[in-house]
PDB file of N, CA and C in Angstrom:
ATOM      1  N   MET A   1       0.849  -1.188   0.000  1.00  0.00           N
ATOM      2  CA  MET A   1       0.000   0.000   0.000  1.00  0.00           C
ATOM      3  C   MET A   1       0.890   1.245   0.000  1.00  0.00           C
ATOM      4  N   ASN A   2       0.570   2.164  -0.866  1.00  0.00           N
ATOM      5  CA  ASN A   2       1.289   3.427  -0.928  1.00  0.00           C
ATOM      6  C   ASN A   2       0.500   4.462  -0.120  1.00  0.00           C
ATOM      7  N   ILE A   3       1.028   4.856   1.000  1.00  0.00           N
ATOM      8  CA  ILE A   3       0.318   5.766   1.905  1.00  0.00           C
ATOM      9  C   ILE A   3       0.080   7.118   1.244  1.00  0.00           C
ATOM     10  N   LEU A   4       1.056   7.631   0.518  1.00  0.00           N
ATOM     11  CA  LEU A   4       0.876   8.917  -0.166  1.00  0.00           C
ATOM     12  C   LEU A   4      -0.306   8.858  -1.122  1.00  0.00           C
ATOM     13  N   GLU A   5      -0.401   7.791  -1.895  1.00  0.00           N
ATOM     14  CA  GLU A   5      -1.509   7.666  -2.856  1.00  0.00           C
ATOM     15  C   GLU A   5      -2.853   7.590  -2.137  1.00  0.00           C
ATOM     16  N   GLU A   6      -2.890   6.890  -1.015  1.00  0.00           N
ATOM     17  CA  GLU A   6      -4.131   6.803  -0.239  1.00  0.00           C
ATOM     18  C   GLU A   6      -4.530   8.176   0.316  1.00  0.00           C
ATOM     19  N   ILE A   7      -3.557   8.930   0.792  1.00  0.00           N
ATOM     20  CA  ILE A   7      -3.842  10.270   1.308  1.00  0.00           C
ATOM     21  C   ILE A   7      -4.338  11.174   0.186  1.00  0.00           C
ATOM     22  N   LYS A   8      -3.681  11.101  -0.968  1.00  0.00           N
ATOM     23  CA  LYS A   8      -4.139  11.884  -2.122  1.00  0.00           C
ATOM     24  C   LYS A   8      -5.592  11.565  -2.445  1.00  0.00           C
ATOM     25  N   LYS A   9      -5.920  10.280  -2.445  1.00  0.00           N
ATOM     26  CA  LYS A   9      -7.279   9.848  -2.760  1.00  0.00           C
ATOM     27  C   LYS A   9      -8.279  10.429  -1.754  1.00  0.00           C
ATOM     28  N   VAL A  10      -7.951  10.356  -0.472  1.00  0.00           N
ATOM     29  CA  VAL A  10      -8.828  10.906   0.567  1.00  0.00           C
ATOM     30  C   VAL A  10      -9.059  12.398   0.336  1.00  0.00           C
ATOM     31  N   PHE A  11      -7.977  13.124   0.064  1.00  0.00           N
ATOM     32  CA  PHE A  11      -8.099  14.561  -0.128  1.00  0.00           C
ATOM     33  C   PHE A  11      -8.898  14.889  -1.382  1.00  0.00           C
ATOM     34  N   HIS A  12      -8.630  14.190  -2.476  1.00  0.00           N
ATOM     35  CA  HIS A  12      -9.358  14.448  -3.723  1.00  0.00           C
ATOM     36  C   HIS A  12     -10.834  14.121  -3.575  1.00  0.00           C
ATOM     37  N   GLU A  13     -11.152  13.024  -2.885  1.00  0.00           N
ATOM     38  CA  GLU A  13     -12.551  12.635  -2.660  1.00  0.00           C
ATOM     39  C   GLU A  13     -13.284  13.634  -1.779  1.00  0.00           C
ATOM     40  N   ASN A  14     -12.541  14.451  -1.063  1.00  0.00           N
ATOM     41  CA  ASN A  14     -13.149  15.415  -0.147  1.00  0.00           C
ATOM     42  C   ASN A  14     -12.937  16.857  -0.598  1.00  0.00           C
ATOM     43  N   GLY A  15     -12.779  17.043  -1.899  1.00  0.00           N
ATOM     44  CA  GLY A  15     -12.805  18.380  -2.477  1.00  0.00           C
ATOM     45  C   GLY A  15     -11.477  19.087  -2.632  1.00  0.00           C
ATOM     46  N   ILE A  16     -10.383  18.455  -2.231  1.00  0.00           N
ATOM     47  CA  ILE A  16      -9.063  19.071  -2.393  1.00  0.00           C
ATOM     48  C   ILE A  16      -8.503  18.568  -3.715  1.00  0.00           C
ATOM     49  N   LYS A  17      -8.612  19.380  -4.749  1.00  0.00           N
ATOM     50  CA  LYS A  17      -8.279  18.929  -6.103  1.00  0.00           C
ATOM     51  C   LYS A  17      -6.870  19.318  -6.545  1.00  0.00           C
ATOM     52  N   GLN A  18      -6.157  20.101  -5.754  1.00  0.00           N
ATOM     53  CA  GLN A  18      -4.803  20.500  -6.123  1.00  0.00           C
ATOM     54  C   GLN A  18      -3.876  19.285  -6.163  1.00  0.00           C
ATOM     55  N   ASN A  19      -2.774  19.437  -6.892  1.00  0.00           N
ATOM     56  CA  ASN A  19      -1.755  18.403  -6.925  1.00  0.00           C
ATOM     57  C   ASN A  19      -1.119  18.293  -5.538  1.00  0.00           C
ATOM     58  N   ILE A  20      -1.043  17.093  -5.037  1.00  0.00           N
ATOM     59  CA  ILE A  20      -0.506  16.866  -3.697  1.00  0.00           C
ATOM     60  C   ILE A  20       0.772  16.035  -3.818  1.00  0.00           C
ATOM     61  N   THR A  21       1.838  16.541  -3.209  1.00  0.00           N
ATOM     62  CA  THR A  21       3.118  15.832  -3.165  1.00  0.00           C
ATOM     63  C   THR A  21       3.544  15.719  -1.709  1.00  0.00           C
ATOM     64  N   MET A  22       4.656  15.069  -1.475  1.00  0.00           N
ATOM     65  CA  MET A  22       5.175  14.946  -0.107  1.00  0.00           C
ATOM     66  C   MET A  22       5.518  16.314   0.477  1.00  0.00           C
ATOM     67  N   ASP A  23       5.863  17.273  -0.373  1.00  0.00           N
ATOM     68  CA  ASP A  23       6.256  18.612   0.096  1.00  0.00           C
ATOM     69  C   ASP A  23       5.090  19.573   0.262  1.00  0.00           C
ATOM     70  N   THR A  24       3.877  19.137  -0.061  1.00  0.00           N
ATOM     71  CA  THR A  24       2.718  20.019   0.028  1.00  0.00           C
ATOM     72  C   THR A  24       2.466  20.421   1.476  1.00  0.00           C
ATOM     73  N   VAL A  25       2.335  21.734   1.688  1.00  0.00           N
ATOM     74  CA  VAL A  25       1.994  22.284   3.003  1.00  0.00           C
ATOM     75  C   VAL A  25       0.477  22.463   3.029  1.00  0.00           C
ATOM     76  N   PHE A  26      -0.163  21.930   4.048  1.00  0.00           N
ATOM     77  CA  PHE A  26      -1.624  21.970   4.100  1.00  0.00           C
ATOM     78  C   PHE A  26      -2.168  23.397   4.069  1.00  0.00           C
ATOM     79  N   LYS A  27      -1.494  24.300   4.738  1.00  0.00           N
ATOM     80  CA  LYS A  27      -1.924  25.697   4.751  1.00  0.00           C
ATOM     81  C   LYS A  27      -1.949  26.280   3.337  1.00  0.00           C
ATOM     82  N   ASP A  28      -1.003  25.847   2.488  1.00  0.00           N
ATOM     83  CA  ASP A  28      -0.944  26.319   1.104  1.00  0.00           C
ATOM     84  C   ASP A  28      -2.136  25.841   0.280  1.00  0.00           C
ATOM     85  N   LEU A  29      -2.788  24.781   0.734  1.00  0.00           N
ATOM     86  CA  LEU A  29      -3.982  24.268   0.054  1.00  0.00           C
ATOM     87  C   LEU A  29      -5.242  24.987   0.513  1.00  0.00           C
ATOM     88  N   GLY A  30      -5.091  25.903   1.475  1.00  0.00           N
ATOM     89  CA  GLY A  30      -6.252  26.599   2.017  1.00  0.00           C
ATOM     90  C   GLY A  30      -6.992  25.774   3.052  1.00  0.00           C
ATOM     91  N   ILE A  31      -6.306  24.785   3.614  1.00  0.00           N
ATOM     92  CA  ILE A  31      -6.908  23.913   4.622  1.00  0.00           C
ATOM     93  C   ILE A  31      -6.585  24.458   6.007  1.00  0.00           C
ATOM     94  N   ASP A  32      -7.625  24.763   6.774  1.00  0.00           N
ATOM     95  CA  ASP A  32      -7.378  25.217   8.145  1.00  0.00           C
ATOM     96  C   ASP A  32      -7.269  23.997   9.061  1.00  0.00           C
ATOM     97  N   SER A  33      -6.987  24.238  10.318  1.00  0.00           N
ATOM     98  CA  SER A  33      -6.727  23.125  11.241  1.00  0.00           C
ATOM     99  C   SER A  33      -7.952  22.226  11.433  1.00  0.00           C
ATOM    100  N   LEU A  34      -9.150  22.795  11.419  1.00  0.00           N
ATOM    101  CA  LEU A  34     -10.351  21.968  11.578  1.00  0.00           C
ATOM    102  C   LEU A  34     -10.579  21.093  10.357  1.00  0.00           C
ATOM    103  N   ASP A  35     -10.402  21.658   9.164  1.00  0.00           N
ATOM    104  CA  ASP A  35     -10.537  20.866   7.940  1.00  0.00           C
ATOM    105  C   ASP A  35      -9.496  19.755   7.910  1.00  0.00           C
ATOM    106  N   LEU A  36      -8.285  20.075   8.324  1.00  0.00           N
ATOM    107  CA  LEU A  36      -7.225  19.077   8.338  1.00  0.00           C
ATOM    108  C   LEU A  36      -7.578  17.938   9.295  1.00  0.00           C
ATOM    109  N   MET A  37      -8.113  18.251  10.447  1.00  0.00           N
ATOM    110  CA  MET A  37      -8.476  17.204  11.402  1.00  0.00           C
ATOM    111  C   MET A  37      -9.560  16.309  10.823  1.00  0.00           C
ATOM    112  N   ASP A  38     -10.536  16.900  10.122  1.00  0.00           N
ATOM    113  CA  ASP A  38     -11.577  16.091   9.473  1.00  0.00           C
ATOM    114  C   ASP A  38     -10.955  15.139   8.455  1.00  0.00           C
ATOM    115  N   LEU A  39     -10.027  15.653   7.651  1.00  0.00           N
ATOM    116  CA  LEU A  39      -9.370  14.827   6.638  1.00  0.00           C
ATOM    117  C   LEU A  39      -8.487  13.754   7.269  1.00  0.00           C
ATOM    118  N   VAL A  40      -7.836  14.086   8.370  1.00  0.00           N
ATOM    119  CA  VAL A  40      -7.004  13.105   9.079  1.00  0.00           C
ATOM    120  C   VAL A  40      -7.882  11.979   9.629  1.00  0.00           C
ATOM    121  N   ILE A  41      -9.040  12.310  10.155  1.00  0.00           N
ATOM    122  CA  ILE A  41      -9.954  11.288  10.682  1.00  0.00           C
ATOM    123  C   ILE A  41     -10.388  10.338   9.570  1.00  0.00           C
ATOM    124  N   ILE A  42     -10.695  10.884   8.401  1.00  0.00           N
ATOM    125  CA  ILE A  42     -11.083  10.056   7.257  1.00  0.00           C
ATOM    126  C   ILE A  42      -9.912   9.162   6.852  1.00  0.00           C
ATOM    127  N   ALA A  43      -8.705   9.730   6.802  1.00  0.00           N
ATOM    128  CA  ALA A  43      -7.515   8.951   6.444  1.00  0.00           C
ATOM    129  C   ALA A  43      -7.256   7.852   7.479  1.00  0.00           C
ATOM    130  N   GLU A  44      -7.442   8.170   8.753  1.00  0.00           N
ATOM    131  CA  GLU A  44      -7.251   7.166   9.805  1.00  0.00           C
ATOM    132  C   GLU A  44      -8.172   5.967   9.574  1.00  0.00           C
ATOM    133  N   LYS A  45      -9.430   6.248   9.285  1.00  0.00           N
ATOM    134  CA  LYS A  45     -10.395   5.167   9.066  1.00  0.00           C
ATOM    135  C   LYS A  45     -10.017   4.346   7.837  1.00  0.00           C
ATOM    136  N   LYS A  46      -9.653   5.029   6.763  1.00  0.00           N
ATOM    137  CA  LYS A  46      -9.314   4.343   5.513  1.00  0.00           C
ATOM    138  C   LYS A  46      -8.052   3.486   5.670  1.00  0.00           C
ATOM    139  N   LEU A  47      -7.082   3.991   6.431  1.00  0.00           N
ATOM    140  CA  LEU A  47      -5.804   3.303   6.583  1.00  0.00           C
ATOM    141  C   LEU A  47      -5.725   2.467   7.853  1.00  0.00           C
ATOM    142  N   ASN A  48      -6.809   2.460   8.620  1.00  0.00           N
ATOM    143  CA  ASN A  48      -6.906   1.647   9.827  1.00  0.00           C
ATOM    144  C   ASN A  48      -5.783   1.941  10.826  1.00  0.00           C
ATOM    145  N   VAL A  49      -5.620   3.225  11.131  1.00  0.00           N
ATOM    146  CA  VAL A  49      -4.659   3.669  12.139  1.00  0.00           C
ATOM    147  C   VAL A  49      -5.331   4.688  13.043  1.00  0.00           C
ATOM    148  N   ARG A  50      -4.703   4.944  14.171  1.00  0.00           N
ATOM    149  CA  ARG A  50      -5.185   5.988  15.093  1.00  0.00           C
ATOM    150  C   ARG A  50      -3.983   6.840  15.444  1.00  0.00           C
ATOM    151  N   ILE A  51      -3.994   8.083  14.971  1.00  0.00           N
ATOM    152  CA  ILE A  51      -2.887   9.000  15.243  1.00  0.00           C
ATOM    153  C   ILE A  51      -3.082   9.586  16.636  1.00  0.00           C
ATOM    154  N   PRO A  52      -2.087   9.420  17.508  1.00  0.00           N
ATOM    155  CA  PRO A  52      -2.200   9.968  18.868  1.00  0.00           C
ATOM    156  C   PRO A  52      -2.366  11.494  18.838  1.00  0.00           C
ATOM    157  N   ASP A  53      -3.157  11.994  19.762  1.00  0.00           N
ATOM    158  CA  ASP A  53      -3.430  13.434  19.816  1.00  0.00           C
ATOM    159  C   ASP A  53      -2.157  14.272  19.873  1.00  0.00           C
ATOM    160  N   ASP A  54      -1.145  13.790  20.593  1.00  0.00           N
ATOM    161  CA  ASP A  54       0.085  14.579  20.718  1.00  0.00           C
ATOM    162  C   ASP A  54       0.846  14.686  19.393  1.00  0.00           C
ATOM    163  N   LYS A  55       0.540  13.832  18.424  1.00  0.00           N
ATOM    164  CA  LYS A  55       1.188  13.886  17.107  1.00  0.00           C
ATOM    165  C   LYS A  55       0.445  14.813  16.143  1.00  0.00           C
ATOM    166  N   LEU A  56      -0.813  15.094  16.425  1.00  0.00           N
ATOM    167  CA  LEU A  56      -1.625  15.894  15.503  1.00  0.00           C
ATOM    168  C   LEU A  56      -1.063  17.291  15.287  1.00  0.00           C
ATOM    169  N   MET A  57      -0.481  17.875  16.301  1.00  0.00           N
ATOM    170  CA  MET A  57       0.051  19.236  16.180  1.00  0.00           C
ATOM    171  C   MET A  57       1.331  19.273  15.341  1.00  0.00           C
ATOM    172  N   ASP A  58       1.912  18.105  15.076  1.00  0.00           N
ATOM    173  CA  ASP A  58       3.143  18.017  14.283  1.00  0.00           C
ATOM    174  C   ASP A  58       2.873  17.927  12.783  1.00  0.00           C
ATOM    175  N   ILE A  59       1.600  17.888  12.395  1.00  0.00           N
ATOM    176  CA  ILE A  59       1.248  17.688  10.993  1.00  0.00           C
ATOM    177  C   ILE A  59       1.072  19.039  10.303  1.00  0.00           C
ATOM    178  N   ASN A  60       2.046  19.395   9.483  1.00  0.00           N
ATOM    179  CA  ASN A  60       1.985  20.634   8.710  1.00  0.00           C
ATOM    180  C   ASN A  60       2.069  20.372   7.209  1.00  0.00           C
ATOM    181  N   LYS A  61       2.758  19.284   6.856  1.00  0.00           N
ATOM    182  CA  LYS A  61       2.946  18.929   5.454  1.00  0.00           C
ATOM    183  C   LYS A  61       2.484  17.494   5.234  1.00  0.00           C
ATOM    184  N   VAL A  62       2.273  17.156   3.984  1.00  0.00           N
ATOM    185  CA  VAL A  62       1.883  15.792   3.648  1.00  0.00           C
ATOM    186  C   VAL A  62       2.934  14.806   4.155  1.00  0.00           C
ATOM    187  N   SER A  63       4.205  15.146   4.029  1.00  0.00           N
ATOM    188  CA  SER A  63       5.260  14.235   4.486  1.00  0.00           C
ATOM    189  C   SER A  63       5.161  13.951   5.981  1.00  0.00           C
ATOM    190  N   ASP A  64       4.698  14.935   6.758  1.00  0.00           N
ATOM    191  CA  ASP A  64       4.509  14.716   8.204  1.00  0.00           C
ATOM    192  C   ASP A  64       3.446  13.644   8.442  1.00  0.00           C
ATOM    193  N   LEU A  65       2.340  13.769   7.732  1.00  0.00           N
ATOM    194  CA  LEU A  65       1.238  12.818   7.880  1.00  0.00           C
ATOM    195  C   LEU A  65       1.668  11.423   7.423  1.00  0.00           C
ATOM    196  N   VAL A  66       2.335  11.340   6.291  1.00  0.00           N
ATOM    197  CA  VAL A  66       2.808  10.056   5.776  1.00  0.00           C
ATOM    198  C   VAL A  66       3.768   9.403   6.771  1.00  0.00           C
ATOM    199  N   ALA A  67       4.715  10.171   7.307  1.00  0.00           N
ATOM    200  CA  ALA A  67       5.697   9.620   8.247  1.00  0.00           C
ATOM    201  C   ALA A  67       5.024   9.065   9.502  1.00  0.00           C
ATOM    202  N   ILE A  68       4.050   9.775  10.023  1.00  0.00           N
ATOM    203  CA  ILE A  68       3.348   9.310  11.227  1.00  0.00           C
ATOM    204  C   ILE A  68       2.601   8.013  10.924  1.00  0.00           C
ATOM    205  N   ILE A  69       1.905   7.972   9.804  1.00  0.00           N
ATOM    206  CA  ILE A  69       1.152   6.765   9.454  1.00  0.00           C
ATOM    207  C   ILE A  69       2.098   5.598   9.200  1.00  0.00           C
ATOM    208  N   GLU A  70       3.208   5.842   8.507  1.00  0.00           N
ATOM    209  CA  GLU A  70       4.189   4.764   8.278  1.00  0.00           C
ATOM    210  C   GLU A  70       4.690   4.202   9.597  1.00  0.00           C
ATOM    211  N   GLU A  71       4.973   5.070  10.549  1.00  0.00           N
ATOM    212  CA  GLU A  71       5.456   4.634  11.858  1.00  0.00           C
ATOM    213  C   GLU A  71       4.401   3.789  12.574  1.00  0.00           C
ATOM    214  N   LEU A  72       3.151   4.200  12.480  1.00  0.00           N
ATOM    215  CA  LEU A  72       2.064   3.463  13.130  1.00  0.00           C
ATOM    216  C   LEU A  72       1.813   2.112  12.470  1.00  0.00           C
ATOM    217  N   LYS A  73       2.114   2.008  11.188  1.00  0.00           N
ATOM    218  CA  LYS A  73       1.872   0.769  10.457  1.00  0.00           C
ATOM    219  C   LYS A  73       2.945  -0.282  10.699  1.00  0.00           C
ATOM    220  N   LYS A  74       4.084   0.111  11.303  1.00  0.00           N
ATOM    221  CA  LYS A  74       5.174  -0.847  11.548  1.00  0.00           C
ATOM    222  C   LYS A  74       4.790  -1.872  12.582  1.00  0.00           C
TER     223      LYS A  74
END
């Protein structure tokens, strides 16, 4: 499973149509913290992970989210 591709799919299915790469900053997409949390919850369900609350504040870029999910999947 490619976590980046799954995250892209979640974002595209939820109205974020911009090109998303590992370097994409969520703020640059016009996503505020509440929207990001909604998208993270959807990604958690799709990828069957639970991101600890203390890690949520560390998510600023797509690479941050991918790294956290990869770590949880180990």
